[in-house]
Amino acid sequence: MPLGDLIQQRGTDRTSRDRAFVLFNDERVSFGAYYAECMHWAKLLLAIKVPDKPFHVGVLLDNTPDYLYAFGGAALAGAVLVGINNTKRGEHLARDITHTDCQILVTEAKYLPLLDPIGSQLGIARERFLVSRRWPDTSNPRTPEPSNPHGTDLDAALAQHGGGGDPNIAVSDKDTCVLIFTSGTVSAPKAVICSHGRAVETGKNIGSNMYGLTPADVGYLAMPLFHSNAM
């Protein structure tokens, strides 16, 4: 089953749509609400994509709901999510983004100081450089938000392009779902290809076969979502 089909199934089924899918700070996002938001993201990604280039969406975010919305939106749109390592800097960061042919980049304000110096190297147009301000970093509230000559506000982009329902893009189990970078211990990091079928079956095997998880269990993400274990 492709990931988008699973999101649709959980988001519309009467037994699951009202159950909590994401708990973040004081927020509770149900399976139904998650599916609805993913549809908005999918419509946005389809509206701003470049038709003749790989439909790759780079994500440089902390573990916020936006990361999961981008993941689900990409799945519904038939796009490939690329998890960008937020510990990279300068040329190494630019290399990861360009090496994976990211035509769209989703980030948040706290990472603009890393992206602004390399923005011209990325080849990503302003309307496809999306900046989220939904969950601002409160660890250092006195730090002013840096200027960003390259990007577009995510909420504004969603308001402009994110209307309508499920785009119903045909996706198969064998289609690529996500690219996950290796650690790069020996050489430059390599982007490992993960299909929709692999992503869904891995989750099912870990949840049901290995640990016997039920709807009463809650998973805690202790690692960043660009890491395969967290994903």
Protein backbone atom coordinates (compact mmCIF):
# COMPACT_ATOMS: atom_id res chain seq x y z
CA MET A 1 0.00 0.00 0.00
CA PRO A 2 1.41 3.46 -0.89
CA LEU A 3 1.80 5.83 2.04
CA GLY A 4 -0.79 8.26 0.69
CA ASP A 5 -3.41 5.52 0.57
CA LEU A 6 -2.69 4.65 4.20
CA ILE A 7 -3.00 8.31 5.24
CA GLN A 8 -6.32 8.56 3.39
CA GLN A 9 -7.56 5.31 4.93
CA ARG A 10 -6.74 6.33 8.51
CA GLY A 11 -8.03 9.85 7.95
CA THR A 12 -11.45 8.81 6.70
CA ASP A 13 -12.19 5.57 8.53
CA ARG A 14 -14.76 6.04 11.31
CA THR A 15 -12.72 3.96 13.75
CA SER A 16 -9.53 5.99 13.36
CA ARG A 17 -10.24 9.47 11.99
CA ASP A 18 -10.91 11.04 15.39
CA ARG A 19 -8.05 9.31 17.21
CA ALA A 20 -4.91 11.29 18.01
CA PHE A 21 -2.13 10.87 15.47
CA VAL A 22 0.30 13.61 16.56
CA LEU A 23 0.84 15.03 20.04
CA PHE A 24 3.08 18.08 20.01
CA ASN A 25 3.39 20.37 23.05
CA ASP A 26 -0.26 21.07 23.92
CA GLU A 27 -1.57 20.24 20.45
CA ARG A 28 -3.49 17.14 19.45
CA VAL A 29 -3.84 16.34 15.75
CA SER A 30 -6.27 13.58 14.83
CA PHE A 31 -5.81 11.23 11.89
CA GLY A 32 -8.62 13.10 10.12
CA ALA A 33 -7.06 16.51 10.73
CA TYR A 34 -3.67 15.20 9.62
CA TYR A 35 -5.14 13.91 6.34
CA ALA A 36 -6.88 17.24 5.76
CA GLU A 37 -3.67 19.20 6.28
CA CYS A 38 -1.68 16.81 4.09
CA MET A 39 -4.17 17.45 1.27
CA HIS A 40 -3.47 21.19 1.57
CA TRP A 41 0.25 20.53 1.38
CA ALA A 42 -0.17 18.21 -1.60
CA LYS A 43 -2.11 20.86 -3.53
CA LEU A 44 0.58 23.44 -2.71
CA LEU A 45 3.43 21.18 -3.83
CA LEU A 46 1.65 20.32 -7.08
CA ALA A 47 0.92 24.00 -7.78
CA ILE A 48 4.54 25.15 -7.45
CA LYS A 49 6.39 22.14 -8.89
CA VAL A 50 8.54 22.35 -12.01
CA PRO A 51 7.15 19.72 -14.42
CA ASP A 52 10.37 18.75 -16.16
CA LYS A 53 12.47 18.24 -13.00
CA PRO A 54 12.51 15.54 -10.30
CA PHE A 55 9.64 16.19 -7.90
CA HIS A 56 11.90 16.27 -4.83
CA VAL A 57 10.96 18.23 -1.71
CA GLY A 58 13.80 19.00 0.69
CA VAL A 59 12.84 19.43 4.34
CA LEU A 60 15.10 21.25 6.79
CA LEU A 61 12.94 21.35 9.91
CA ASP A 62 13.01 20.32 13.53
CA ASN A 63 10.59 17.62 14.68
CA THR A 64 7.47 19.75 14.34
CA PRO A 65 4.10 18.78 12.84
CA ASP A 66 5.16 20.57 9.64
CA TYR A 67 7.72 17.83 9.01
CA LEU A 68 4.96 15.23 9.08
CA TYR A 69 2.65 17.41 6.98
CA ALA A 70 5.37 17.79 4.37
CA PHE A 71 5.92 14.02 4.44
CA GLY A 72 2.23 13.24 4.01
CA GLY A 73 1.67 16.02 1.49
CA ALA A 74 4.54 14.74 -0.63
CA ALA A 75 3.10 11.22 -0.48
CA LEU A 76 -0.32 12.39 -1.66
CA ALA A 77 1.23 14.53 -4.40
CA GLY A 78 3.50 11.80 -5.73
CA ALA A 79 6.57 13.75 -4.66
CA VAL A 80 9.71 12.48 -2.94
CA LEU A 81 10.61 13.87 0.46
CA VAL A 82 14.31 14.50 1.13
CA GLY A 83 15.30 14.74 4.79
CA ILE A 84 18.04 17.38 5.12
CA ASN A 85 20.47 16.93 8.01
CA ASN A 86 20.26 20.07 10.17
CA THR A 87 23.79 19.62 11.48
CA LYS A 88 25.32 20.38 8.06
CA ARG A 89 26.80 23.77 7.25
CA GLY A 90 27.99 25.71 4.23
CA GLU A 91 29.13 23.76 1.20
CA HIS A 92 28.17 20.43 2.79
CA LEU A 93 24.60 21.61 3.31
CA ALA A 94 24.41 23.01 -0.22
CA ARG A 95 25.79 19.77 -1.62
CA ASP A 96 23.13 17.62 0.06
CA ILE A 97 20.31 19.82 -1.28
CA THR A 98 21.64 20.07 -4.83
CA HIS A 99 22.86 16.46 -4.98
CA THR A 100 19.29 15.24 -4.42
CA ASP A 101 17.79 17.64 -7.00
CA CYS A 102 15.50 19.41 -4.53
CA GLN A 103 13.30 21.79 -6.50
CA ILE A 104 11.28 22.72 -3.39
CA LEU A 105 12.71 23.43 0.06
CA VAL A 106 10.73 23.66 3.29
CA THR A 107 12.46 25.17 6.31
CA GLU A 108 11.83 27.33 9.36
CA ALA A 109 13.10 30.72 10.46
CA LYS A 110 15.77 29.36 12.80
CA TYR A 111 17.62 27.78 9.84
CA LEU A 112 17.67 30.88 7.64
CA PRO A 113 21.15 31.86 8.90
CA LEU A 114 22.41 28.55 7.47
CA LEU A 115 20.58 28.90 4.16
CA ASP A 116 20.96 32.59 3.38
CA PRO A 117 24.71 32.37 2.57
CA ILE A 118 24.18 29.46 0.17
CA GLY A 119 20.77 30.45 -1.21
CA SER A 120 22.10 31.47 -4.60
CA GLN A 121 23.80 28.08 -5.02
CA LEU A 122 20.64 26.06 -4.54
CA GLY A 123 18.82 27.13 -7.70
CA ILE A 124 15.46 27.16 -5.91
CA ALA A 125 13.03 29.89 -6.92
CA ARG A 126 11.49 32.10 -4.24
CA GLU A 127 8.01 30.57 -4.54
CA ARG A 128 9.49 27.11 -3.93
CA PHE A 129 11.58 28.18 -0.90
CA LEU A 130 8.96 27.83 1.86
CA VAL A 131 9.57 29.19 5.36
CA SER A 132 7.39 28.04 8.27
CA ARG A 133 6.79 30.27 11.27
CA ARG A 134 4.13 28.07 12.83
CA TRP A 135 6.21 26.70 15.69
CA PRO A 136 8.94 29.27 16.36
CA ASP A 137 12.04 28.34 18.32
CA THR A 138 11.53 29.75 21.82
CA SER A 139 14.89 28.65 23.21
CA ASN A 140 16.36 32.11 22.55
CA PRO A 141 13.47 34.57 22.20
CA ARG A 142 15.74 37.61 22.06
CA THR A 143 17.34 36.52 18.82
CA PRO A 144 15.76 38.50 15.95
CA GLU A 145 14.61 36.61 12.87
CA PRO A 146 17.18 36.99 10.09
CA SER A 147 16.26 38.45 6.76
CA ASN A 148 15.52 35.99 3.99
CA PRO A 149 15.82 37.29 0.44
CA HIS A 150 15.11 33.88 -1.03
CA GLY A 151 11.92 32.52 0.57
CA THR A 152 8.13 32.67 0.75
CA ASP A 153 6.00 32.41 3.90
CA LEU A 154 4.53 28.91 4.17
CA ASP A 155 1.14 30.00 5.49
CA ALA A 156 0.75 32.50 2.66
CA ALA A 157 1.64 29.83 0.10
CA LEU A 158 -0.84 27.36 1.61
CA ALA A 159 -3.56 30.01 1.61
CA GLN A 160 -2.91 30.71 -2.07
CA HIS A 161 -2.50 27.19 -3.41
CA GLY A 162 -3.64 24.69 -0.74
CA GLY A 163 -7.38 24.60 -1.39
CA GLY A 164 -9.41 21.63 -2.50
CA GLY A 165 -9.42 17.95 -1.60
CA ASP A 166 -7.20 14.99 -2.28
CA PRO A 167 -5.45 15.35 -5.66
CA ASN A 168 -5.76 11.56 -6.13
CA ILE A 169 -2.35 11.14 -7.73
CA ALA A 170 -1.65 7.54 -8.76
CA VAL A 171 1.29 6.19 -6.74
CA SER A 172 2.52 2.60 -6.57
CA ASP A 173 4.31 0.67 -3.83
CA LYS A 174 7.47 0.73 -5.93
CA ASP A 175 7.55 4.51 -6.37
CA THR A 176 10.13 6.39 -4.32
CA CYS A 177 8.71 7.86 -1.12
CA VAL A 178 11.70 9.37 0.67
CA LEU A 179 15.45 9.83 0.34
CA ILE A 180 17.32 9.38 3.62
CA PHE A 181 20.98 10.35 3.84
CA THR A 182 23.59 8.04 5.31
CA SER A 183 25.88 9.42 8.00
CA GLY A 184 28.73 10.01 5.55
CA THR A 185 31.30 8.47 7.88
CA VAL A 186 33.55 7.18 5.10
CA SER A 187 32.76 9.61 2.27
CA ALA A 188 30.10 12.13 1.26
CA PRO A 189 26.63 11.10 2.49
CA LYS A 190 24.57 9.03 0.07
CA ALA A 191 20.82 9.36 -0.33
CA VAL A 192 19.23 5.96 0.30
CA ILE A 193 16.09 5.34 -1.77
CA CYS A 194 13.05 4.21 0.21
CA SER A 195 9.91 3.18 -1.67
CA HIS A 196 6.32 3.65 -0.51
CA GLY A 197 5.98 -0.08 0.00
CA ARG A 198 9.12 -0.26 2.10
CA ALA A 199 8.09 2.71 4.27
CA VAL A 200 4.66 1.26 5.02
CA GLU A 201 5.77 -2.34 5.49
CA THR A 202 8.65 -1.34 7.76
CA GLY A 203 6.25 0.58 9.97
CA LYS A 204 3.80 -2.34 10.07
CA ASN A 205 6.53 -4.86 10.87
CA ILE A 206 8.03 -2.77 13.65
CA GLY A 207 4.67 -1.82 15.12
CA SER A 208 2.78 -5.10 14.88
CA ASN A 209 5.28 -7.92 14.48
CA MET A 210 8.21 -6.73 16.59
CA TYR A 211 6.55 -4.79 19.40
CA GLY A 212 2.85 -5.64 19.21
CA LEU A 213 1.77 -2.01 19.38
CA THR A 214 -1.91 -1.11 19.56
CA PRO A 215 -3.90 2.15 19.13
CA ALA A 216 -3.44 2.67 22.89
CA ASP A 217 0.34 3.05 22.52
CA VAL A 218 2.16 6.32 21.88
CA GLY A 219 5.51 6.55 20.12
CA TYR A 220 8.04 9.14 21.32
CA LEU A 221 10.35 10.62 18.69
CA ALA A 222 13.73 10.92 20.37
CA MET A 223 15.69 11.33 17.13
CA PRO A 224 15.38 13.84 14.27
CA LEU A 225 13.03 12.89 11.45
CA PHE A 226 15.77 13.06 8.83
CA HIS A 227 17.10 9.90 10.51
CA SER A 228 15.76 6.57 9.27
CA ASN A 229 14.97 5.24 12.76
CA ALA A 230 12.75 8.23 13.60
CA MET A 231 11.04 8.10 10.22
